[in-house]
Amino acid sequence: LSDDSDEIAGEASVAVRFLRDGAAAF
């Protein structure tokens, strides 16, 4: 977060568990 602008820089690490075989994307 910054006071220079309202822009935010983000990095999200998302841990997922897959619910079906063969998933090629989410």
PDB file of all heavy atoms in Angstrom:
ATOM      1  N   LEU A   1       0.842  -1.190   0.000  1.00  0.00           N
ATOM      2  CA  LEU A   1       0.000   0.000   0.000  1.00  0.00           C
ATOM      3  C   LEU A   1       0.874   1.235   0.000  1.00  0.00           C
ATOM      4  O   LEU A   1       1.959   1.249   0.592  1.00  0.00           O
ATOM      5  CB  LEU A   1      -0.907   0.012   1.231  1.00  0.00           C
ATOM      6  CG  LEU A   1      -1.714  -1.255   1.511  1.00  0.00           C
ATOM      7  CD1 LEU A   1      -2.554  -1.071   2.778  1.00  0.00           C
ATOM      8  CD2 LEU A   1      -2.596  -1.629   0.334  1.00  0.00           C
ATOM      9  N   SER A   2       0.380   2.297  -0.623  1.00  0.00           N
ATOM     10  CA  SER A   2       1.196   3.500  -0.794  1.00  0.00           C
ATOM     11  C   SER A   2       0.348   4.743  -0.580  1.00  0.00           C
ATOM     12  O   SER A   2      -0.867   4.732  -0.785  1.00  0.00           O
ATOM     13  CB  SER A   2       1.806   3.512  -2.199  1.00  0.00           C
ATOM     14  OG  SER A   2       2.428   4.741  -2.474  1.00  0.00           O
ATOM     15  N   ASP A   3       1.011   5.833  -0.203  1.00  0.00           N
ATOM     16  CA  ASP A   3       0.359   7.137  -0.173  1.00  0.00           C
ATOM     17  C   ASP A   3       0.577   7.915  -1.465  1.00  0.00           C
ATOM     18  O   ASP A   3       0.000   8.992  -1.652  1.00  0.00           O
ATOM     19  CB  ASP A   3       0.881   7.968   1.009  1.00  0.00           C
ATOM     20  CG  ASP A   3       0.190   7.593   2.307  1.00  0.00           C
ATOM     21  OD1 ASP A   3      -0.893   6.975   2.264  1.00  0.00           O
ATOM     22  OD2 ASP A   3       0.745   7.911   3.380  1.00  0.00           O
ATOM     23  N   ASP A   4       1.399   7.377  -2.362  1.00  0.00           N
ATOM     24  CA  ASP A   4       1.684   8.071  -3.614  1.00  0.00           C
ATOM     25  C   ASP A   4       0.533   7.962  -4.597  1.00  0.00           C
ATOM     26  O   ASP A   4       0.339   8.839  -5.442  1.00  0.00           O
ATOM     27  CB  ASP A   4       2.961   7.510  -4.253  1.00  0.00           C
ATOM     28  CG  ASP A   4       4.191   7.759  -3.394  1.00  0.00           C
ATOM     29  OD1 ASP A   4       4.196   8.750  -2.638  1.00  0.00           O
ATOM     30  OD2 ASP A   4       5.139   6.951  -3.464  1.00  0.00           O
ATOM     31  N   SER A   5      -0.229   6.865  -4.522  1.00  0.00           N
ATOM     32  CA  SER A   5      -1.378   6.656  -5.401  1.00  0.00           C
ATOM     33  C   SER A   5      -2.279   5.615  -4.759  1.00  0.00           C
ATOM     34  O   SER A   5      -1.940   5.017  -3.734  1.00  0.00           O
ATOM     35  CB  SER A   5      -0.933   6.192  -6.800  1.00  0.00           C
ATOM     36  OG  SER A   5      -0.540   4.830  -6.767  1.00  0.00           O
ATOM     37  N   ASP A   6      -3.432   5.371  -5.382  1.00  0.00           N
ATOM     38  CA  ASP A   6      -4.349   4.347  -4.900  1.00  0.00           C
ATOM     39  C   ASP A   6      -4.050   2.981  -5.510  1.00  0.00           C
ATOM     40  O   ASP A   6      -4.780   2.018  -5.238  1.00  0.00           O
ATOM     41  CB  ASP A   6      -5.798   4.732  -5.224  1.00  0.00           C
ATOM     42  CG  ASP A   6      -6.284   5.910  -4.384  1.00  0.00           C
ATOM     43  OD1 ASP A   6      -5.596   6.264  -3.408  1.00  0.00           O
ATOM     44  OD2 ASP A   6      -7.339   6.474  -4.716  1.00  0.00           O
ATOM     45  N   GLU A   7      -3.007   2.896  -6.299  1.00  0.00           N
ATOM     46  CA  GLU A   7      -2.661   1.606  -6.892  1.00  0.00           C
ATOM     47  C   GLU A   7      -2.058   0.693  -5.831  1.00  0.00           C
ATOM     48  O   GLU A   7      -1.287   1.136  -4.972  1.00  0.00           O
ATOM     49  CB  GLU A   7      -1.661   1.786  -8.039  1.00  0.00           C
ATOM     50  CG  GLU A   7      -1.331   0.481  -8.758  1.00  0.00           C
ATOM     51  CD  GLU A   7      -0.391   0.677  -9.926  1.00  0.00           C
ATOM     52  OE1 GLU A   7       0.809   0.898  -9.680  1.00  0.00           O
ATOM     53  OE2 GLU A   7      -0.861   0.617 -11.085  1.00  0.00           O
ATOM     54  N   ILE A   8      -2.411  -0.587  -5.866  1.00  0.00           N
ATOM     55  CA  ILE A   8      -1.814  -1.578  -4.981  1.00  0.00           C
ATOM     56  C   ILE A   8      -1.028  -2.575  -5.826  1.00  0.00           C
ATOM     57  O   ILE A   8      -1.363  -2.843  -6.978  1.00  0.00           O
ATOM     58  CB  ILE A   8      -2.871  -2.326  -4.143  1.00  0.00           C
ATOM     59  CG1 ILE A   8      -3.809  -3.151  -5.035  1.00  0.00           C
ATOM     60  CG2 ILE A   8      -3.664  -1.355  -3.285  1.00  0.00           C
ATOM     61  CD1 ILE A   8      -4.725  -4.091  -4.268  1.00  0.00           C
ATOM     62  N   ALA A   9       0.044  -3.076  -5.257  1.00  0.00           N
ATOM     63  CA  ALA A   9       0.789  -4.180  -5.864  1.00  0.00           C
ATOM     64  C   ALA A   9       0.508  -5.414  -5.023  1.00  0.00           C
ATOM     65  O   ALA A   9       0.630  -5.375  -3.790  1.00  0.00           O
ATOM     66  CB  ALA A   9       2.284  -3.877  -5.892  1.00  0.00           C
ATOM     67  N   GLY A  10       0.101  -6.508  -5.669  1.00  0.00           N
ATOM     68  CA  GLY A  10      -0.295  -7.690  -4.936  1.00  0.00           C
ATOM     69  C   GLY A  10       0.382  -8.945  -5.441  1.00  0.00           C
ATOM     70  O   GLY A  10       0.762  -9.044  -6.617  1.00  0.00           O
ATOM     71  N   GLU A  11       0.540  -9.893  -4.529  1.00  0.00           N
ATOM     72  CA  GLU A  11       0.990 -11.237  -4.880  1.00  0.00           C
ATOM     73  C   GLU A  11       0.154 -12.204  -4.049  1.00  0.00           C
ATOM     74  O   GLU A  11       0.148 -12.122  -2.819  1.00  0.00           O
ATOM     75  CB  GLU A  11       2.471 -11.423  -4.590  1.00  0.00           C
ATOM     76  CG  GLU A  11       3.010 -12.794  -4.986  1.00  0.00           C
ATOM     77  CD  GLU A  11       4.500 -12.928  -4.711  1.00  0.00           C
ATOM     78  OE1 GLU A  11       5.296 -12.340  -5.474  1.00  0.00           O
ATOM     79  OE2 GLU A  11       4.841 -13.605  -3.723  1.00  0.00           O
ATOM     80  N   ALA A  12      -0.570 -13.080  -4.727  1.00  0.00           N
ATOM     81  CA  ALA A  12      -1.445 -14.033  -4.051  1.00  0.00           C
ATOM     82  C   ALA A  12      -0.948 -15.441  -4.302  1.00  0.00           C
ATOM     83  O   ALA A  12      -0.828 -15.864  -5.458  1.00  0.00           O
ATOM     84  CB  ALA A  12      -2.876 -13.886  -4.561  1.00  0.00           C
ATOM     85  N   SER A  13      -0.619 -16.152  -3.226  1.00  0.00           N
ATOM     86  CA  SER A  13      -0.310 -17.578  -3.332  1.00  0.00           C
ATOM     87  C   SER A  13      -1.578 -18.339  -2.954  1.00  0.00           C
ATOM     88  O   SER A  13      -2.109 -18.165  -1.852  1.00  0.00           O
ATOM     89  CB  SER A  13       0.835 -17.955  -2.390  1.00  0.00           C
ATOM     90  OG  SER A  13       2.035 -17.340  -2.806  1.00  0.00           O
ATOM     91  N   VAL A  14      -2.058 -19.170  -3.871  1.00  0.00           N
ATOM     92  CA  VAL A  14      -3.344 -19.846  -3.710  1.00  0.00           C
ATOM     93  C   VAL A  14      -3.103 -21.349  -3.726  1.00  0.00           C
ATOM     94  O   VAL A  14      -2.666 -21.907  -4.746  1.00  0.00           O
ATOM     95  CB  VAL A  14      -4.325 -19.448  -4.832  1.00  0.00           C
ATOM     96  CG1 VAL A  14      -5.696 -20.055  -4.589  1.00  0.00           C
ATOM     97  CG2 VAL A  14      -4.420 -17.920  -4.942  1.00  0.00           C
ATOM     98  N   ALA A  15      -3.351 -22.010  -2.598  1.00  0.00           N
ATOM     99  CA  ALA A  15      -3.204 -23.466  -2.500  1.00  0.00           C
ATOM    100  C   ALA A  15      -4.557 -24.100  -2.776  1.00  0.00           C
ATOM    101  O   ALA A  15      -5.542 -23.794  -2.091  1.00  0.00           O
ATOM    102  CB  ALA A  15      -2.699 -23.865  -1.122  1.00  0.00           C
ATOM    103  N   VAL A  16      -4.618 -24.966  -3.783  1.00  0.00           N
ATOM    104  CA  VAL A  16      -5.888 -25.563  -4.191  1.00  0.00           C
ATOM    105  C   VAL A  16      -5.796 -27.086  -4.139  1.00  0.00           C
ATOM    106  O   VAL A  16      -4.723 -27.669  -4.294  1.00  0.00           O
ATOM    107  CB  VAL A  16      -6.302 -25.109  -5.608  1.00  0.00           C
ATOM    108  CG1 VAL A  16      -6.421 -23.596  -5.680  1.00  0.00           C
ATOM    109  CG2 VAL A  16      -5.324 -25.610  -6.653  1.00  0.00           C
ATOM    110  N   ARG A  17      -6.938 -27.694  -3.912  1.00  0.00           N
ATOM    111  CA  ARG A  17      -7.081 -29.143  -4.010  1.00  0.00           C
ATOM    112  C   ARG A  17      -8.036 -29.432  -5.156  1.00  0.00           C
ATOM    113  O   ARG A  17      -9.131 -28.856  -5.215  1.00  0.00           O
ATOM    114  CB  ARG A  17      -7.630 -29.728  -2.705  1.00  0.00           C
ATOM    115  CG  ARG A  17      -7.833 -31.239  -2.716  1.00  0.00           C
ATOM    116  CD  ARG A  17      -8.177 -31.733  -1.318  1.00  0.00           C
ATOM    117  NE  ARG A  17      -9.419 -31.153  -0.833  1.00  0.00           N
ATOM    118  CZ  ARG A  17     -10.637 -31.710  -1.007  1.00  0.00           C
ATOM    119  NH1 ARG A  17     -10.753 -32.849  -1.671  1.00  0.00           N
ATOM    120  NH2 ARG A  17     -11.705 -31.119  -0.517  1.00  0.00           N
ATOM    121  N   PHE A  18      -7.640 -30.306  -6.061  1.00  0.00           N
ATOM    122  CA  PHE A  18      -8.461 -30.598  -7.235  1.00  0.00           C
ATOM    123  C   PHE A  18      -9.463 -31.694  -6.899  1.00  0.00           C
ATOM    124  O   PHE A  18      -9.165 -32.665  -6.209  1.00  0.00           O
ATOM    125  CB  PHE A  18      -7.575 -30.997  -8.412  1.00  0.00           C
ATOM    126  CG  PHE A  18      -6.755 -29.851  -8.936  1.00  0.00           C
ATOM    127  CD1 PHE A  18      -5.469 -29.635  -8.453  1.00  0.00           C
ATOM    128  CD2 PHE A  18      -7.282 -28.963  -9.850  1.00  0.00           C
ATOM    129  CE1 PHE A  18      -4.721 -28.556  -8.907  1.00  0.00           C
ATOM    130  CE2 PHE A  18      -6.538 -27.879 -10.308  1.00  0.00           C
ATOM    131  CZ  PHE A  18      -5.249 -27.674  -9.839  1.00  0.00           C
ATOM    132  N   LEU A  19     -10.674 -31.518  -7.414  1.00  0.00           N
ATOM    133  CA  LEU A  19     -11.789 -32.382  -7.048  1.00  0.00           C
ATOM    134  C   LEU A  19     -12.121 -33.408  -8.119  1.00  0.00           C
ATOM    135  O   LEU A  19     -13.028 -34.231  -7.904  1.00  0.00           O
ATOM    136  CB  LEU A  19     -13.028 -31.521  -6.749  1.00  0.00           C
ATOM    137  CG  LEU A  19     -12.848 -30.456  -5.666  1.00  0.00           C
ATOM    138  CD1 LEU A  19     -14.136 -29.674  -5.470  1.00  0.00           C
ATOM    139  CD2 LEU A  19     -12.397 -31.088  -4.353  1.00  0.00           C
ATOM    140  N   ARG A  20     -11.419 -33.383  -9.246  1.00  0.00           N
ATOM    141  CA  ARG A  20     -11.689 -34.390 -10.275  1.00  0.00           C
ATOM    142  C   ARG A  20     -10.428 -34.645 -11.085  1.00  0.00           C
ATOM    143  O   ARG A  20      -9.537 -33.787 -11.182  1.00  0.00           O
ATOM    144  CB  ARG A  20     -12.831 -33.945 -11.184  1.00  0.00           C
ATOM    145  CG  ARG A  20     -12.570 -32.682 -11.983  1.00  0.00           C
ATOM    146  CD  ARG A  20     -13.636 -32.482 -13.060  1.00  0.00           C
ATOM    147  NE  ARG A  20     -13.372 -31.311 -13.862  1.00  0.00           N
ATOM    148  CZ  ARG A  20     -13.988 -30.151 -13.733  1.00  0.00           C
ATOM    149  NH1 ARG A  20     -14.908 -30.012 -12.801  1.00  0.00           N
ATOM    150  NH2 ARG A  20     -13.695 -29.132 -14.525  1.00  0.00           N
ATOM    151  N   ASP A  21     -10.351 -35.830 -11.654  1.00  0.00           N
ATOM    152  CA  ASP A  21      -9.207 -36.214 -12.487  1.00  0.00           C
ATOM    153  C   ASP A  21      -9.226 -35.462 -13.810  1.00  0.00           C
ATOM    154  O   ASP A  21     -10.288 -35.141 -14.354  1.00  0.00           O
ATOM    155  CB  ASP A  21      -9.243 -37.724 -12.779  1.00  0.00           C
ATOM    156  CG  ASP A  21      -8.754 -38.553 -11.608  1.00  0.00           C
ATOM    157  OD1 ASP A  21      -7.949 -38.025 -10.817  1.00  0.00           O
ATOM    158  OD2 ASP A  21      -9.178 -39.712 -11.476  1.00  0.00           O
ATOM    159  N   GLY A  22      -8.023 -35.185 -14.294  1.00  0.00           N
ATOM    160  CA  GLY A  22      -7.876 -34.662 -15.647  1.00  0.00           C
ATOM    161  C   GLY A  22      -8.099 -33.176 -15.796  1.00  0.00           C
ATOM    162  O   GLY A  22      -8.155 -32.680 -16.930  1.00  0.00           O
ATOM    163  N   ALA A  23      -8.220 -32.445 -14.679  1.00  0.00           N
ATOM    164  CA  ALA A  23      -8.434 -31.000 -14.792  1.00  0.00           C
ATOM    165  C   ALA A  23      -7.252 -30.352 -15.506  1.00  0.00           C
ATOM    166  O   ALA A  23      -6.098 -30.579 -15.155  1.00  0.00           O
ATOM    167  CB  ALA A  23      -8.614 -30.378 -13.415  1.00  0.00           C
ATOM    168  N   ALA A  24      -7.552 -29.568 -16.528  1.00  0.00           N
ATOM    169  CA  ALA A  24      -6.508 -28.908 -17.305  1.00  0.00           C
ATOM    170  C   ALA A  24      -6.393 -27.428 -16.988  1.00  0.00           C
ATOM    171  O   ALA A  24      -5.428 -26.779 -17.409  1.00  0.00           O
ATOM    172  CB  ALA A  24      -6.779 -29.087 -18.803  1.00  0.00           C
ATOM    173  N   ALA A  25      -7.371 -26.879 -16.244  1.00  0.00           N
ATOM    174  CA  ALA A  25      -7.364 -25.452 -15.909  1.00  0.00           C
ATOM    175  C   ALA A  25      -8.334 -25.221 -14.761  1.00  0.00           C
ATOM    176  O   ALA A  25      -9.179 -26.071 -14.452  1.00  0.00           O
ATOM    177  CB  ALA A  25      -7.770 -24.609 -17.116  1.00  0.00           C
ATOM    178  N   PHE A  26      -8.184 -24.083 -14.109  1.00  0.00           N
ATOM    179  CA  PHE A  26      -9.186 -23.656 -13.126  1.00  0.00           C
ATOM    180  C   PHE A  26      -9.234 -22.131 -13.160  1.00  0.00           C
ATOM    181  O   PHE A  26      -8.351 -21.471 -13.728  1.00  0.00           O
ATOM    182  CB  PHE A  26      -8.877 -24.177 -11.723  1.00  0.00           C
ATOM    183  CG  PHE A  26      -7.675 -23.557 -11.068  1.00  0.00           C
ATOM    184  CD1 PHE A  26      -7.799 -22.471 -10.212  1.00  0.00           C
ATOM    185  CD2 PHE A  26      -6.400 -24.065 -11.307  1.00  0.00           C
ATOM    186  CE1 PHE A  26      -6.691 -21.904  -9.606  1.00  0.00           C
ATOM    187  CE2 PHE A  26      -5.280 -23.514 -10.693  1.00  0.00           C
ATOM    188  CZ  PHE A  26      -5.424 -22.430  -9.834  1.00  0.00           C
TER     189      PHE A  26
END
